[in-house]
N, C-alpha and C. Protein backbone atom coordinates (compact mmCIF):
# COMPACT_ATOMS: atom_id res chain seq x y z
N UNK A 1 -12.23 9.86 14.69
CA UNK A 1 -12.79 9.31 13.46
C UNK A 1 -11.67 8.78 12.58
N UNK A 2 -12.05 7.91 11.68
CA UNK A 2 -11.11 7.39 10.72
C UNK A 2 -11.84 7.12 9.41
N UNK A 3 -11.04 7.02 8.36
CA UNK A 3 -11.60 6.73 7.04
C UNK A 3 -10.87 5.53 6.45
N UNK A 4 -11.61 4.68 5.77
CA UNK A 4 -11.05 3.53 5.09
C UNK A 4 -11.27 3.68 3.60
N UNK A 5 -10.22 3.45 2.82
CA UNK A 5 -10.33 3.44 1.37
C UNK A 5 -9.86 2.07 0.89
N UNK A 6 -10.79 1.29 0.37
CA UNK A 6 -10.45 -0.04 -0.12
C UNK A 6 -9.82 0.10 -1.50
N UNK A 7 -8.56 -0.26 -1.61
CA UNK A 7 -7.83 -0.15 -2.86
C UNK A 7 -7.84 -1.45 -3.64
N UNK A 8 -8.00 -2.54 -2.95
CA UNK A 8 -8.07 -3.85 -3.58
C UNK A 8 -8.66 -4.85 -2.62
N UNK A 9 -9.59 -5.65 -3.10
CA UNK A 9 -10.25 -6.62 -2.24
C UNK A 9 -10.21 -8.02 -2.85
N UNK A 10 -9.39 -8.20 -3.85
CA UNK A 10 -9.27 -9.50 -4.48
C UNK A 10 -8.23 -10.34 -3.76
N UNK A 11 -8.12 -11.56 -4.14
CA UNK A 11 -7.09 -12.44 -3.59
C UNK A 11 -5.90 -12.46 -4.54
N UNK A 12 -5.28 -13.60 -4.71
CA UNK A 12 -4.04 -13.67 -5.48
C UNK A 12 -4.23 -13.40 -6.97
N UNK A 13 -5.43 -13.50 -7.47
CA UNK A 13 -5.69 -13.23 -8.89
C UNK A 13 -6.66 -12.05 -8.99
N UNK A 14 -6.21 -10.91 -9.54
CA UNK A 14 -7.12 -9.77 -9.67
C UNK A 14 -8.15 -10.04 -10.76
N UNK A 15 -9.20 -9.27 -10.72
CA UNK A 15 -10.21 -9.33 -11.78
C UNK A 15 -10.33 -7.95 -12.39
N UNK A 16 -11.18 -7.81 -13.37
CA UNK A 16 -11.38 -6.50 -14.00
C UNK A 16 -11.98 -5.50 -13.01
N UNK A 17 -12.69 -6.00 -12.01
CA UNK A 17 -13.34 -5.13 -11.04
C UNK A 17 -12.60 -5.01 -9.73
N UNK A 18 -11.70 -5.95 -9.42
CA UNK A 18 -11.07 -5.98 -8.10
C UNK A 18 -9.56 -6.14 -8.23
N UNK A 19 -8.83 -5.31 -7.49
CA UNK A 19 -7.37 -5.30 -7.50
C UNK A 19 -6.82 -6.19 -6.39
N UNK A 20 -5.49 -6.43 -6.44
CA UNK A 20 -4.81 -7.14 -5.35
C UNK A 20 -5.04 -6.40 -4.03
N UNK A 21 -4.81 -7.06 -2.89
CA UNK A 21 -5.12 -6.47 -1.58
C UNK A 21 -4.43 -5.13 -1.32
N UNK A 22 -5.19 -4.21 -0.78
CA UNK A 22 -4.68 -2.91 -0.37
C UNK A 22 -5.78 -2.13 0.33
N UNK A 23 -5.42 -1.44 1.40
CA UNK A 23 -6.37 -0.66 2.17
C UNK A 23 -5.65 0.55 2.73
N UNK A 24 -6.23 1.72 2.61
CA UNK A 24 -5.67 2.93 3.20
C UNK A 24 -6.52 3.32 4.40
N UNK A 25 -5.86 3.44 5.54
CA UNK A 25 -6.52 3.85 6.78
C UNK A 25 -6.04 5.25 7.12
N UNK A 26 -6.98 6.17 7.30
CA UNK A 26 -6.65 7.54 7.70
C UNK A 26 -7.26 7.77 9.08
N UNK A 27 -6.36 8.03 10.05
CA UNK A 27 -6.80 8.24 11.43
C UNK A 27 -5.76 9.06 12.17
N UNK A 28 -6.21 9.97 13.02
CA UNK A 28 -5.32 10.76 13.87
C UNK A 28 -4.19 11.40 13.07
N UNK A 29 -4.53 11.97 11.94
CA UNK A 29 -3.55 12.66 11.09
C UNK A 29 -2.49 11.72 10.53
N UNK A 30 -2.76 10.45 10.47
CA UNK A 30 -1.85 9.45 9.91
C UNK A 30 -2.53 8.79 8.72
N UNK A 31 -1.72 8.43 7.74
CA UNK A 31 -2.22 7.65 6.60
C UNK A 31 -1.41 6.36 6.55
N UNK A 32 -2.07 5.26 6.79
CA UNK A 32 -1.41 3.96 6.87
C UNK A 32 -1.93 3.09 5.73
N UNK A 33 -1.00 2.60 4.94
CA UNK A 33 -1.33 1.70 3.84
C UNK A 33 -1.17 0.27 4.34
N UNK A 34 -2.25 -0.50 4.28
CA UNK A 34 -2.20 -1.91 4.65
C UNK A 34 -2.07 -2.73 3.39
N UNK A 35 -0.95 -3.39 3.26
CA UNK A 35 -0.60 -4.22 2.12
C UNK A 35 -0.45 -3.37 0.85
N UNK A 36 0.32 -3.89 -0.06
CA UNK A 36 0.63 -3.13 -1.28
C UNK A 36 0.80 -4.11 -2.44
N UNK A 37 -0.33 -4.67 -2.86
CA UNK A 37 -0.29 -5.57 -4.00
C UNK A 37 -0.03 -4.81 -5.29
N UNK A 38 0.21 -5.57 -6.36
CA UNK A 38 0.41 -4.93 -7.66
C UNK A 38 -0.80 -4.06 -7.98
N UNK A 39 -0.55 -2.91 -8.58
CA UNK A 39 -1.64 -2.02 -8.97
C UNK A 39 -2.09 -1.06 -7.88
N UNK A 40 -1.46 -1.11 -6.71
CA UNK A 40 -1.88 -0.23 -5.63
C UNK A 40 -1.69 1.24 -5.99
N UNK A 41 -0.62 1.55 -6.70
CA UNK A 41 -0.40 2.95 -7.10
C UNK A 41 -1.57 3.45 -7.94
N UNK A 42 -1.97 2.66 -8.88
CA UNK A 42 -3.09 3.05 -9.76
C UNK A 42 -4.37 3.22 -8.94
N UNK A 43 -4.58 2.33 -8.00
CA UNK A 43 -5.78 2.41 -7.17
C UNK A 43 -5.75 3.64 -6.27
N UNK A 44 -4.57 4.02 -5.76
CA UNK A 44 -4.45 5.25 -4.97
C UNK A 44 -4.87 6.45 -5.81
N UNK A 45 -4.45 6.47 -7.06
CA UNK A 45 -4.82 7.58 -7.95
C UNK A 45 -6.30 7.54 -8.31
N UNK A 46 -6.81 6.35 -8.64
CA UNK A 46 -8.23 6.23 -9.01
C UNK A 46 -9.16 6.62 -7.86
N UNK A 47 -8.74 6.32 -6.63
CA UNK A 47 -9.59 6.63 -5.48
C UNK A 47 -9.59 8.10 -5.13
N UNK A 48 -8.61 8.84 -5.65
CA UNK A 48 -8.52 10.26 -5.36
C UNK A 48 -7.67 10.60 -4.15
N UNK A 49 -7.18 9.60 -3.43
CA UNK A 49 -6.37 9.90 -2.24
C UNK A 49 -4.91 10.16 -2.59
N UNK A 50 -4.43 9.64 -3.69
CA UNK A 50 -3.07 9.92 -4.15
C UNK A 50 -1.99 9.40 -3.22
N UNK A 51 -0.78 9.93 -3.42
CA UNK A 51 0.41 9.45 -2.72
C UNK A 51 0.80 10.34 -1.54
N UNK A 52 0.15 11.46 -1.39
CA UNK A 52 0.56 12.41 -0.35
C UNK A 52 0.38 11.86 1.04
N UNK A 53 1.31 12.19 1.88
CA UNK A 53 1.24 11.90 3.30
C UNK A 53 1.07 10.43 3.65
N UNK A 54 1.64 9.53 2.88
CA UNK A 54 1.65 8.14 3.31
C UNK A 54 2.69 8.04 4.42
N UNK A 55 2.26 7.66 5.61
CA UNK A 55 3.15 7.63 6.77
C UNK A 55 3.74 6.25 7.04
N UNK A 56 2.94 5.23 6.87
CA UNK A 56 3.38 3.88 7.23
C UNK A 56 2.80 2.86 6.25
N UNK A 57 3.52 1.77 6.14
CA UNK A 57 3.06 0.63 5.36
C UNK A 57 3.03 -0.56 6.31
N UNK A 58 1.86 -1.12 6.52
CA UNK A 58 1.69 -2.27 7.40
C UNK A 58 1.38 -3.49 6.52
N UNK A 59 2.24 -4.49 6.62
CA UNK A 59 2.08 -5.70 5.81
C UNK A 59 1.49 -6.81 6.68
N UNK A 60 0.36 -7.34 6.25
CA UNK A 60 -0.31 -8.37 7.03
C UNK A 60 0.44 -9.69 6.98
N UNK A 61 1.02 -10.00 5.83
CA UNK A 61 1.84 -11.20 5.67
C UNK A 61 2.61 -11.09 4.36
N UNK A 62 3.51 -12.04 4.13
CA UNK A 62 4.45 -11.92 3.02
C UNK A 62 4.07 -12.55 1.71
N UNK A 63 2.81 -12.92 1.52
CA UNK A 63 2.43 -13.47 0.22
C UNK A 63 2.62 -12.41 -0.86
N UNK A 64 3.06 -12.82 -2.01
CA UNK A 64 3.40 -11.87 -3.06
C UNK A 64 2.24 -10.98 -3.48
N UNK A 65 1.01 -11.48 -3.41
CA UNK A 65 -0.12 -10.63 -3.80
C UNK A 65 -0.32 -9.48 -2.83
N UNK A 66 0.38 -9.48 -1.70
CA UNK A 66 0.29 -8.40 -0.71
C UNK A 66 1.50 -7.47 -0.74
N UNK A 67 2.58 -7.86 -1.43
CA UNK A 67 3.82 -7.08 -1.35
C UNK A 67 4.44 -6.69 -2.69
N UNK A 68 3.99 -7.24 -3.80
CA UNK A 68 4.66 -6.99 -5.08
C UNK A 68 4.52 -5.56 -5.60
N UNK A 69 3.65 -4.78 -5.02
CA UNK A 69 3.52 -3.38 -5.43
C UNK A 69 4.52 -2.45 -4.75
N UNK A 70 5.25 -2.96 -3.76
CA UNK A 70 6.17 -2.11 -3.00
C UNK A 70 7.30 -1.55 -3.85
N UNK A 71 8.01 -2.34 -4.67
CA UNK A 71 9.10 -1.75 -5.46
C UNK A 71 8.64 -0.60 -6.36
N UNK A 72 7.50 -0.78 -7.00
CA UNK A 72 6.98 0.29 -7.85
C UNK A 72 6.61 1.53 -7.05
N UNK A 73 5.98 1.34 -5.90
CA UNK A 73 5.62 2.47 -5.05
C UNK A 73 6.87 3.23 -4.61
N UNK A 74 7.88 2.47 -4.18
CA UNK A 74 9.11 3.12 -3.71
C UNK A 74 9.88 3.82 -4.82
N UNK A 75 9.72 3.37 -6.05
CA UNK A 75 10.39 4.07 -7.15
C UNK A 75 9.58 5.29 -7.60
N UNK A 76 8.28 5.30 -7.38
CA UNK A 76 7.43 6.43 -7.77
C UNK A 76 7.48 7.57 -6.77
N UNK A 77 7.57 7.27 -5.47
CA UNK A 77 7.52 8.32 -4.46
C UNK A 77 8.55 9.43 -4.69
N UNK A 78 9.82 9.13 -4.97
CA UNK A 78 10.77 10.22 -5.23
C UNK A 78 10.41 11.04 -6.48
N UNK A 79 9.80 10.40 -7.46
CA UNK A 79 9.40 11.12 -8.68
C UNK A 79 8.29 12.12 -8.40
N UNK A 80 7.59 11.91 -7.31
CA UNK A 80 6.52 12.82 -6.89
C UNK A 80 7.02 13.80 -5.84
N UNK A 81 8.34 14.00 -5.81
CA UNK A 81 9.00 14.90 -4.86
C UNK A 81 8.66 14.54 -3.42
N UNK A 82 8.60 13.28 -3.18
CA UNK A 82 8.33 12.78 -1.82
C UNK A 82 9.66 12.34 -1.21
N UNK A 83 10.11 13.04 -0.19
CA UNK A 83 11.38 12.73 0.45
C UNK A 83 11.20 12.15 1.85
N UNK A 84 9.97 12.11 2.34
CA UNK A 84 9.72 11.58 3.68
C UNK A 84 10.01 10.09 3.74
N UNK A 85 10.29 9.61 4.91
CA UNK A 85 10.53 8.20 5.13
C UNK A 85 9.19 7.50 5.33
N UNK A 86 9.02 6.38 4.66
CA UNK A 86 7.83 5.57 4.81
C UNK A 86 8.22 4.35 5.63
N UNK A 87 7.75 4.26 6.85
CA UNK A 87 8.10 3.16 7.75
C UNK A 87 7.29 1.93 7.38
N UNK A 88 7.97 0.78 7.32
CA UNK A 88 7.31 -0.49 7.01
C UNK A 88 7.21 -1.32 8.28
N UNK A 89 6.02 -1.84 8.54
CA UNK A 89 5.78 -2.71 9.69
C UNK A 89 5.30 -4.07 9.18
N UNK A 90 5.72 -5.11 9.86
CA UNK A 90 5.27 -6.45 9.53
C UNK A 90 5.98 -7.44 10.43
N UNK A 91 5.51 -8.66 10.41
CA UNK A 91 6.15 -9.70 11.18
C UNK A 91 7.54 -10.02 10.62
N UNK A 92 8.37 -10.69 11.41
CA UNK A 92 9.74 -10.99 10.96
C UNK A 92 9.79 -11.75 9.63
N UNK A 93 8.93 -12.74 9.45
CA UNK A 93 8.93 -13.49 8.21
C UNK A 93 8.52 -12.64 7.02
N UNK A 94 7.57 -11.76 7.24
CA UNK A 94 7.10 -10.86 6.18
C UNK A 94 8.20 -9.88 5.80
N UNK A 95 8.86 -9.30 6.78
CA UNK A 95 9.91 -8.34 6.49
C UNK A 95 11.10 -8.98 5.79
N UNK A 96 11.36 -10.27 6.05
CA UNK A 96 12.41 -10.98 5.33
C UNK A 96 12.10 -11.06 3.84
N UNK A 97 10.84 -11.24 3.50
CA UNK A 97 10.44 -11.30 2.09
C UNK A 97 10.64 -9.96 1.42
N UNK A 98 10.34 -8.89 2.13
CA UNK A 98 10.35 -7.55 1.55
C UNK A 98 11.74 -6.93 1.51
N UNK A 99 12.49 -7.09 2.57
CA UNK A 99 13.81 -6.42 2.67
C UNK A 99 14.82 -7.34 2.14
């Protein structure tokens, strides 16, 4: 079984009801975050799933509405006493934008 938590379903412009793209997939004891648009941290908290046990970040592509939440997430994780490594996956062009 797996669980999906939609964190954002908007496109490049968020609305009052919809955040930038983000999806949390929980399967086989793994928590995989797909895309990390701005506001993803807030959406993780609002959804009740929080920051615990994020194992991987999978980026679908390098558009800014899918990746601009990464710096904030990476600066927050240590503040939450999170020392685990979060592996980032994406195509070569996407990873060039992020790294």
